[in-house]
């Protein structure tokens, strides 16, 4: 079991580094070819494969949206990733524009064989933590970043 935990911590570190650097090539290596990404409970997620996920990130980058990783927490086969999303001057990221240029967002990545097979995006940390299985576990405060 400790090997699985270490492997997930390694993947979490790689995800964090790739997202922080906006390195789509490195992020691509961490995505299953059939990864799905969307809102919780969405039967038809916005992105249904690696190419669509990467295209979504690329479109945001082209519009001036940046994300800084503020937290990663591993829970079994899931990784909770906290992001501080910063919009560009014209505020094309609506949530960031509405809150003075920044918005906090969370993603829960389900990992199999070292690659994310499912990504679910959340506006609220508590909902993301529950999805990751962290809701009642100690040490899940935002300051528990990895």
N, C-alpha and C. Protein backbone atom coordinates (compact mmCIF):
# COMPACT_ATOMS: atom_id res chain seq x y z
N UNK A 1 0.80 -1.21 0.00
CA UNK A 1 0.00 0.00 0.00
C UNK A 1 0.85 1.27 0.00
N UNK A 2 1.96 1.33 0.75
CA UNK A 2 2.77 2.55 0.73
C UNK A 2 3.28 2.90 -0.67
N UNK A 3 3.51 1.91 -1.52
CA UNK A 3 3.95 2.18 -2.88
C UNK A 3 2.88 2.92 -3.66
N UNK A 4 1.61 2.55 -3.46
CA UNK A 4 0.51 3.22 -4.14
C UNK A 4 0.41 4.68 -3.70
N UNK A 5 0.57 4.91 -2.40
CA UNK A 5 0.51 6.27 -1.88
C UNK A 5 1.65 7.10 -2.47
N UNK A 6 2.84 6.53 -2.48
CA UNK A 6 3.99 7.25 -3.05
C UNK A 6 3.79 7.53 -4.53
N UNK A 7 3.22 6.57 -5.26
CA UNK A 7 2.97 6.77 -6.69
C UNK A 7 1.96 7.89 -6.90
N UNK A 8 0.91 7.93 -6.07
CA UNK A 8 -0.10 9.00 -6.20
C UNK A 8 0.48 10.35 -5.83
N UNK A 9 1.34 10.39 -4.81
CA UNK A 9 1.99 11.66 -4.44
C UNK A 9 2.88 12.15 -5.59
N UNK A 10 3.54 11.23 -6.25
CA UNK A 10 4.37 11.59 -7.40
C UNK A 10 3.51 12.17 -8.51
N UNK A 11 2.40 11.51 -8.83
CA UNK A 11 1.50 12.03 -9.87
C UNK A 11 0.96 13.39 -9.47
N UNK A 12 0.58 13.55 -8.21
CA UNK A 12 0.07 14.85 -7.74
C UNK A 12 1.11 15.95 -7.93
N UNK A 13 2.35 15.65 -7.63
CA UNK A 13 3.43 16.62 -7.84
C UNK A 13 3.62 16.96 -9.31
N UNK A 14 3.51 15.95 -10.16
CA UNK A 14 3.64 16.18 -11.60
C UNK A 14 2.49 17.01 -12.14
N UNK A 15 1.28 16.73 -11.68
CA UNK A 15 0.11 17.52 -12.09
C UNK A 15 0.29 18.96 -11.65
N UNK A 16 0.67 19.15 -10.41
CA UNK A 16 0.87 20.50 -9.88
C UNK A 16 1.91 21.26 -10.70
N UNK A 17 3.04 20.63 -10.97
CA UNK A 17 4.11 21.30 -11.73
C UNK A 17 3.65 21.63 -13.16
N UNK A 18 2.96 20.70 -13.81
CA UNK A 18 2.52 20.94 -15.18
C UNK A 18 1.49 22.07 -15.24
N UNK A 19 0.54 22.08 -14.31
CA UNK A 19 -0.48 23.14 -14.31
C UNK A 19 0.14 24.49 -13.94
N UNK A 20 1.01 24.50 -12.95
CA UNK A 20 1.64 25.75 -12.51
C UNK A 20 2.47 26.37 -13.64
N UNK A 21 3.15 25.53 -14.40
CA UNK A 21 3.99 26.02 -15.50
C UNK A 21 3.21 26.21 -16.80
N UNK A 22 1.93 25.84 -16.78
CA UNK A 22 1.10 25.86 -18.01
C UNK A 22 1.79 25.06 -19.11
N UNK A 23 2.36 23.92 -18.71
CA UNK A 23 3.07 23.04 -19.62
C UNK A 23 2.12 21.97 -20.14
N UNK A 24 1.49 22.25 -21.27
CA UNK A 24 0.49 21.34 -21.80
C UNK A 24 1.08 20.01 -22.25
N UNK A 25 2.33 20.01 -22.66
CA UNK A 25 2.98 18.76 -23.05
C UNK A 25 3.13 17.84 -21.84
N UNK A 26 3.59 18.39 -20.73
CA UNK A 26 3.74 17.60 -19.51
C UNK A 26 2.37 17.17 -18.99
N UNK A 27 1.38 18.05 -19.07
CA UNK A 27 0.03 17.72 -18.61
C UNK A 27 -0.56 16.62 -19.49
N UNK A 28 -0.30 16.69 -20.78
CA UNK A 28 -0.78 15.68 -21.72
C UNK A 28 -0.32 14.28 -21.31
N UNK A 29 0.91 14.17 -20.87
CA UNK A 29 1.46 12.88 -20.46
C UNK A 29 0.75 12.31 -19.24
N UNK A 30 0.05 13.16 -18.50
CA UNK A 30 -0.64 12.74 -17.28
C UNK A 30 -2.12 12.44 -17.51
N UNK A 31 -2.57 12.56 -18.75
CA UNK A 31 -3.97 12.34 -19.09
C UNK A 31 -4.14 11.04 -19.88
N UNK A 32 -5.11 10.25 -19.48
CA UNK A 32 -5.48 9.09 -20.26
C UNK A 32 -6.04 9.56 -21.60
N UNK A 33 -5.83 8.84 -22.69
CA UNK A 33 -6.38 9.27 -23.98
C UNK A 33 -7.89 9.48 -23.96
N UNK A 34 -8.59 8.77 -23.07
CA UNK A 34 -10.05 8.85 -23.01
C UNK A 34 -10.54 9.59 -21.77
N UNK A 35 -9.71 10.46 -21.23
CA UNK A 35 -10.08 11.24 -20.04
C UNK A 35 -11.36 12.02 -20.31
N UNK A 36 -12.19 12.14 -19.28
CA UNK A 36 -13.41 12.94 -19.37
C UNK A 36 -13.28 14.07 -18.34
N UNK A 37 -13.79 15.26 -18.71
CA UNK A 37 -13.70 16.40 -17.82
C UNK A 37 -14.96 17.24 -17.92
N UNK A 38 -15.53 17.54 -16.76
CA UNK A 38 -16.74 18.35 -16.76
C UNK A 38 -17.19 18.68 -15.35
N UNK A 39 -18.43 19.16 -15.27
CA UNK A 39 -19.04 19.52 -14.00
C UNK A 39 -19.53 18.26 -13.29
N UNK A 40 -19.72 18.35 -11.98
CA UNK A 40 -20.20 17.18 -11.24
C UNK A 40 -21.57 16.74 -11.77
N UNK A 41 -21.71 15.43 -11.97
CA UNK A 41 -22.99 14.87 -12.38
C UNK A 41 -23.37 15.11 -13.83
N UNK A 42 -22.50 15.73 -14.60
CA UNK A 42 -22.81 16.01 -16.01
C UNK A 42 -22.72 14.72 -16.81
N UNK A 43 -23.83 14.25 -17.40
CA UNK A 43 -23.79 13.01 -18.16
C UNK A 43 -23.03 13.14 -19.49
N UNK A 44 -22.86 14.36 -19.95
CA UNK A 44 -22.12 14.61 -21.19
C UNK A 44 -21.08 15.69 -20.92
N UNK A 45 -19.93 15.30 -20.35
CA UNK A 45 -18.92 16.28 -19.96
C UNK A 45 -18.44 17.14 -21.14
N UNK A 46 -17.98 18.33 -20.80
CA UNK A 46 -17.50 19.28 -21.82
C UNK A 46 -16.36 18.70 -22.64
N UNK A 47 -15.50 17.93 -22.00
CA UNK A 47 -14.36 17.33 -22.70
C UNK A 47 -14.42 15.82 -22.52
N UNK A 48 -14.26 15.10 -23.63
CA UNK A 48 -14.41 13.65 -23.58
C UNK A 48 -13.18 12.89 -24.04
N UNK A 49 -12.06 13.60 -24.19
CA UNK A 49 -10.80 12.93 -24.48
C UNK A 49 -9.65 13.90 -24.22
N UNK A 50 -8.43 13.38 -24.29
CA UNK A 50 -7.24 14.17 -24.00
C UNK A 50 -7.15 15.42 -24.88
N UNK A 51 -7.39 15.26 -26.17
CA UNK A 51 -7.28 16.40 -27.10
C UNK A 51 -8.24 17.52 -26.71
N UNK A 52 -9.46 17.18 -26.30
CA UNK A 52 -10.44 18.20 -25.92
C UNK A 52 -10.03 18.91 -24.62
N UNK A 53 -9.50 18.16 -23.66
CA UNK A 53 -9.03 18.78 -22.41
C UNK A 53 -7.90 19.75 -22.71
N UNK A 54 -6.93 19.32 -23.49
CA UNK A 54 -5.80 20.19 -23.82
C UNK A 54 -6.24 21.41 -24.62
N UNK A 55 -7.19 21.24 -25.53
CA UNK A 55 -7.70 22.37 -26.32
C UNK A 55 -8.38 23.39 -25.40
N UNK A 56 -9.10 22.90 -24.39
CA UNK A 56 -9.77 23.81 -23.45
C UNK A 56 -8.73 24.65 -22.70
N UNK A 57 -7.69 24.00 -22.20
CA UNK A 57 -6.63 24.73 -21.50
C UNK A 57 -5.93 25.72 -22.44
N UNK A 58 -5.69 25.31 -23.66
CA UNK A 58 -5.02 26.18 -24.64
C UNK A 58 -5.88 27.42 -24.94
N UNK A 59 -7.18 27.22 -25.10
CA UNK A 59 -8.07 28.38 -25.35
C UNK A 59 -8.02 29.36 -24.19
N UNK A 60 -8.02 28.86 -22.99
CA UNK A 60 -7.93 29.74 -21.83
C UNK A 60 -6.62 30.50 -21.81
N UNK A 61 -5.55 29.79 -22.09
CA UNK A 61 -4.23 30.44 -22.11
C UNK A 61 -4.19 31.53 -23.17
N UNK A 62 -4.74 31.25 -24.34
CA UNK A 62 -4.77 32.26 -25.42
C UNK A 62 -5.58 33.49 -25.03
N UNK A 63 -6.57 33.31 -24.15
CA UNK A 63 -7.40 34.44 -23.69
C UNK A 63 -6.79 35.15 -22.50
N UNK A 64 -5.63 34.69 -22.05
CA UNK A 64 -4.95 35.36 -20.95
C UNK A 64 -5.30 34.83 -19.57
N UNK A 65 -5.98 33.72 -19.50
CA UNK A 65 -6.32 33.13 -18.21
C UNK A 65 -5.13 32.30 -17.72
N UNK A 66 -4.79 32.48 -16.46
CA UNK A 66 -3.70 31.73 -15.85
C UNK A 66 -4.21 31.09 -14.57
N UNK A 67 -3.60 30.00 -14.18
CA UNK A 67 -3.99 29.33 -12.94
C UNK A 67 -2.74 29.03 -12.13
N UNK A 68 -2.84 29.27 -10.85
CA UNK A 68 -1.75 28.95 -9.92
C UNK A 68 -2.26 27.87 -8.97
N UNK A 69 -1.49 26.83 -8.83
CA UNK A 69 -1.86 25.73 -7.95
C UNK A 69 -1.62 26.18 -6.51
N UNK A 70 -2.67 26.10 -5.69
CA UNK A 70 -2.53 26.50 -4.29
C UNK A 70 -2.66 25.32 -3.34
N UNK A 71 -3.01 24.15 -3.89
CA UNK A 71 -3.21 23.00 -3.02
C UNK A 71 -3.27 21.72 -3.84
N UNK A 72 -2.69 20.65 -3.33
CA UNK A 72 -2.92 19.31 -3.86
C UNK A 72 -3.03 18.38 -2.65
N UNK A 73 -4.04 17.52 -2.67
CA UNK A 73 -4.25 16.55 -1.61
C UNK A 73 -4.60 15.22 -2.26
N UNK A 74 -3.88 14.18 -1.89
CA UNK A 74 -4.13 12.84 -2.41
C UNK A 74 -5.08 12.11 -1.47
N UNK A 75 -6.07 11.44 -2.06
CA UNK A 75 -7.01 10.62 -1.30
C UNK A 75 -7.29 9.35 -2.11
N UNK A 76 -6.60 8.28 -1.79
CA UNK A 76 -6.79 7.04 -2.56
C UNK A 76 -6.36 7.23 -4.00
N UNK A 77 -7.30 7.01 -4.92
CA UNK A 77 -6.98 7.16 -6.35
C UNK A 77 -7.39 8.53 -6.89
N UNK A 78 -7.63 9.48 -5.98
CA UNK A 78 -8.05 10.82 -6.40
C UNK A 78 -7.09 11.88 -5.89
N UNK A 79 -7.03 12.97 -6.66
CA UNK A 79 -6.21 14.11 -6.27
C UNK A 79 -7.10 15.35 -6.30
N UNK A 80 -7.17 16.04 -5.18
CA UNK A 80 -7.85 17.32 -5.11
C UNK A 80 -6.82 18.39 -5.46
N UNK A 81 -7.12 19.20 -6.47
CA UNK A 81 -6.22 20.26 -6.90
C UNK A 81 -6.94 21.59 -6.72
N UNK A 82 -6.38 22.46 -5.90
CA UNK A 82 -6.92 23.81 -5.71
C UNK A 82 -6.19 24.77 -6.63
N UNK A 83 -6.96 25.61 -7.32
CA UNK A 83 -6.39 26.55 -8.28
C UNK A 83 -6.86 27.97 -7.98
N UNK A 84 -5.97 28.91 -8.13
CA UNK A 84 -6.33 30.33 -8.11
C UNK A 84 -6.27 30.77 -9.57
N UNK A 85 -7.44 31.01 -10.14
CA UNK A 85 -7.55 31.36 -11.55
C UNK A 85 -7.54 32.88 -11.68
N UNK A 86 -6.67 33.35 -12.57
CA UNK A 86 -6.52 34.78 -12.78
C UNK A 86 -6.89 35.09 -14.22
N UNK A 87 -7.88 35.98 -14.39
CA UNK A 87 -8.32 36.36 -15.73
C UNK A 87 -7.47 37.49 -16.27
N UNK A 88 -7.63 37.75 -17.56
CA UNK A 88 -6.88 38.85 -18.17
C UNK A 88 -7.59 40.17 -17.92
N UNK A 89 -7.07 41.24 -18.44
CA UNK A 89 -7.61 42.57 -18.18
C UNK A 89 -9.05 42.73 -18.61
N UNK A 90 -9.43 42.10 -19.70
CA UNK A 90 -10.81 42.24 -20.15
C UNK A 90 -11.74 41.25 -19.44
N UNK A 91 -11.17 40.44 -18.54
CA UNK A 91 -11.99 39.58 -17.70
C UNK A 91 -12.77 38.52 -18.46
N UNK A 92 -12.12 37.87 -19.39
CA UNK A 92 -12.84 36.83 -20.14
C UNK A 92 -13.16 35.63 -19.27
N UNK A 93 -12.48 35.47 -18.16
CA UNK A 93 -12.89 34.46 -17.19
C UNK A 93 -13.90 35.16 -16.30
N UNK A 94 -15.17 34.88 -16.51
CA UNK A 94 -16.26 35.61 -15.84
C UNK A 94 -16.13 35.57 -14.33
N UNK A 95 -15.86 34.40 -13.76
CA UNK A 95 -15.76 34.30 -12.31
C UNK A 95 -14.60 35.14 -11.79
N UNK A 96 -13.48 35.11 -12.48
CA UNK A 96 -12.33 35.91 -12.06
C UNK A 96 -12.64 37.40 -12.19
N UNK A 97 -13.29 37.78 -13.27
CA UNK A 97 -13.64 39.19 -13.46
C UNK A 97 -14.61 39.66 -12.38
N UNK A 98 -15.56 38.81 -12.01
CA UNK A 98 -16.56 39.18 -11.00
C UNK A 98 -15.94 39.34 -9.62
N UNK A 99 -14.81 38.72 -9.37
CA UNK A 99 -14.21 38.80 -8.04
C UNK A 99 -12.89 39.57 -8.07
N UNK A 100 -12.80 40.54 -8.95
CA UNK A 100 -11.62 41.40 -8.98
C UNK A 100 -10.43 40.79 -9.68
N UNK A 101 -10.66 39.85 -10.56
CA UNK A 101 -9.57 39.30 -11.35
C UNK A 101 -9.11 37.92 -10.93
N UNK A 102 -9.60 37.42 -9.79
CA UNK A 102 -9.20 36.09 -9.33
C UNK A 102 -10.41 35.29 -8.89
N UNK A 103 -10.31 33.98 -9.05
CA UNK A 103 -11.34 33.08 -8.55
C UNK A 103 -10.67 31.79 -8.12
N UNK A 104 -11.15 31.20 -7.05
CA UNK A 104 -10.63 29.91 -6.63
C UNK A 104 -11.50 28.82 -7.24
N UNK A 105 -10.86 27.79 -7.75
CA UNK A 105 -11.55 26.65 -8.35
C UNK A 105 -10.83 25.39 -7.91
N UNK A 106 -11.56 24.28 -7.91
CA UNK A 106 -10.99 23.00 -7.51
C UNK A 106 -11.32 21.96 -8.56
N UNK A 107 -10.39 21.06 -8.75
CA UNK A 107 -10.60 19.93 -9.63
C UNK A 107 -10.27 18.66 -8.87
N UNK A 108 -11.04 17.62 -9.14
CA UNK A 108 -10.76 16.30 -8.57
C UNK A 108 -10.41 15.39 -9.73
N UNK A 109 -9.19 14.89 -9.71
CA UNK A 109 -8.70 13.99 -10.75
C UNK A 109 -8.71 12.56 -10.21
N UNK A 110 -9.32 11.66 -10.96
CA UNK A 110 -9.26 10.24 -10.63
C UNK A 110 -8.15 9.64 -11.48
N UNK A 111 -7.24 8.93 -10.84
CA UNK A 111 -6.04 8.43 -11.50
C UNK A 111 -6.04 6.90 -11.56
N UNK A 112 -5.71 6.39 -12.73
CA UNK A 112 -5.50 4.95 -12.91
C UNK A 112 -4.22 4.77 -13.73
N UNK A 113 -3.37 3.89 -13.28
CA UNK A 113 -2.12 3.59 -13.97
C UNK A 113 -1.31 4.86 -14.26
N UNK A 114 -1.31 5.80 -13.31
CA UNK A 114 -0.50 7.00 -13.41
C UNK A 114 -1.06 8.10 -14.29
N UNK A 115 -2.29 7.93 -14.79
CA UNK A 115 -2.89 8.95 -15.65
C UNK A 115 -4.31 9.27 -15.18
N UNK A 116 -4.69 10.52 -15.37
CA UNK A 116 -6.03 10.95 -15.01
C UNK A 116 -7.03 10.41 -16.02
N UNK A 117 -8.07 9.74 -15.52
CA UNK A 117 -9.12 9.21 -16.37
C UNK A 117 -10.40 10.02 -16.26
N UNK A 118 -10.47 10.87 -15.22
CA UNK A 118 -11.67 11.66 -14.98
C UNK A 118 -11.27 12.93 -14.23
N UNK A 119 -11.79 14.06 -14.68
CA UNK A 119 -11.54 15.33 -14.01
C UNK A 119 -12.90 16.00 -13.81
N UNK A 120 -13.19 16.38 -12.58
CA UNK A 120 -14.44 17.06 -12.28
C UNK A 120 -14.10 18.41 -11.67
N UNK A 121 -14.70 19.47 -12.21
CA UNK A 121 -14.43 20.83 -11.74
C UNK A 121 -15.48 21.33 -10.77
N UNK A 122 -15.04 22.07 -9.75
CA UNK A 122 -15.93 22.57 -8.71
C UNK A 122 -15.66 24.04 -8.42
N UNK A 123 -16.71 24.75 -8.03
CA UNK A 123 -16.58 26.14 -7.58
C UNK A 123 -16.32 26.20 -6.08
N UNK A 124 -16.74 25.17 -5.35
CA UNK A 124 -16.63 25.15 -3.89
C UNK A 124 -15.69 24.04 -3.44
N UNK A 125 -14.76 24.37 -2.55
CA UNK A 125 -13.81 23.39 -2.07
C UNK A 125 -14.50 22.25 -1.33
N UNK A 126 -15.52 22.57 -0.54
CA UNK A 126 -16.20 21.54 0.24
C UNK A 126 -16.80 20.46 -0.66
N UNK A 127 -17.35 20.86 -1.79
CA UNK A 127 -17.91 19.90 -2.73
C UNK A 127 -16.81 19.05 -3.37
N UNK A 128 -15.71 19.69 -3.71
CA UNK A 128 -14.57 18.96 -4.30
C UNK A 128 -13.99 17.99 -3.28
N UNK A 129 -13.85 18.43 -2.04
CA UNK A 129 -13.31 17.56 -1.00
C UNK A 129 -14.21 16.35 -0.77
N UNK A 130 -15.51 16.56 -0.79
CA UNK A 130 -16.44 15.44 -0.64
C UNK A 130 -16.28 14.46 -1.79
N UNK A 131 -16.15 14.97 -3.01
CA UNK A 131 -15.97 14.11 -4.18
C UNK A 131 -14.68 13.29 -4.06
N UNK A 132 -13.64 13.92 -3.51
CA UNK A 132 -12.35 13.25 -3.35
C UNK A 132 -12.34 12.29 -2.16
N UNK A 133 -13.41 12.34 -1.35
CA UNK A 133 -13.45 11.48 -0.17
C UNK A 133 -12.75 12.09 1.02
N UNK A 134 -12.64 13.41 1.05
CA UNK A 134 -11.91 14.10 2.12
C UNK A 134 -12.82 14.82 3.10
N UNK A 135 -14.13 14.80 2.90
CA UNK A 135 -15.05 15.63 3.67
C UNK A 135 -14.91 15.49 5.17
N UNK A 136 -14.72 14.29 5.67
CA UNK A 136 -14.65 14.13 7.11
C UNK A 136 -13.27 13.68 7.59
N UNK A 137 -12.30 13.82 6.72
CA UNK A 137 -10.95 13.40 7.10
C UNK A 137 -10.16 14.58 7.63
N UNK A 138 -9.33 14.36 8.65
CA UNK A 138 -8.51 15.46 9.19
C UNK A 138 -7.42 15.86 8.21
N UNK A 139 -6.94 17.07 8.38
CA UNK A 139 -5.82 17.54 7.56
C UNK A 139 -6.22 17.97 6.17
N UNK A 140 -7.48 18.35 5.96
CA UNK A 140 -7.90 18.73 4.62
C UNK A 140 -8.17 20.23 4.49
N UNK A 141 -7.70 20.97 5.44
CA UNK A 141 -7.78 22.43 5.36
C UNK A 141 -6.94 22.91 4.19
N UNK A 142 -7.31 24.03 3.55
CA UNK A 142 -6.51 24.52 2.40
C UNK A 142 -5.02 24.66 2.71
N UNK A 143 -4.65 24.83 3.97
CA UNK A 143 -3.24 24.96 4.30
C UNK A 143 -2.53 23.61 4.30
N UNK A 144 -3.25 22.53 3.99
CA UNK A 144 -2.65 21.19 3.97
C UNK A 144 -2.08 20.87 2.60
N UNK A 145 -1.65 21.88 1.90
CA UNK A 145 -1.13 21.71 0.53
C UNK A 145 0.06 20.79 0.51
N UNK A 146 0.18 20.08 -0.62
CA UNK A 146 1.37 19.25 -0.81
C UNK A 146 2.38 20.02 -1.60
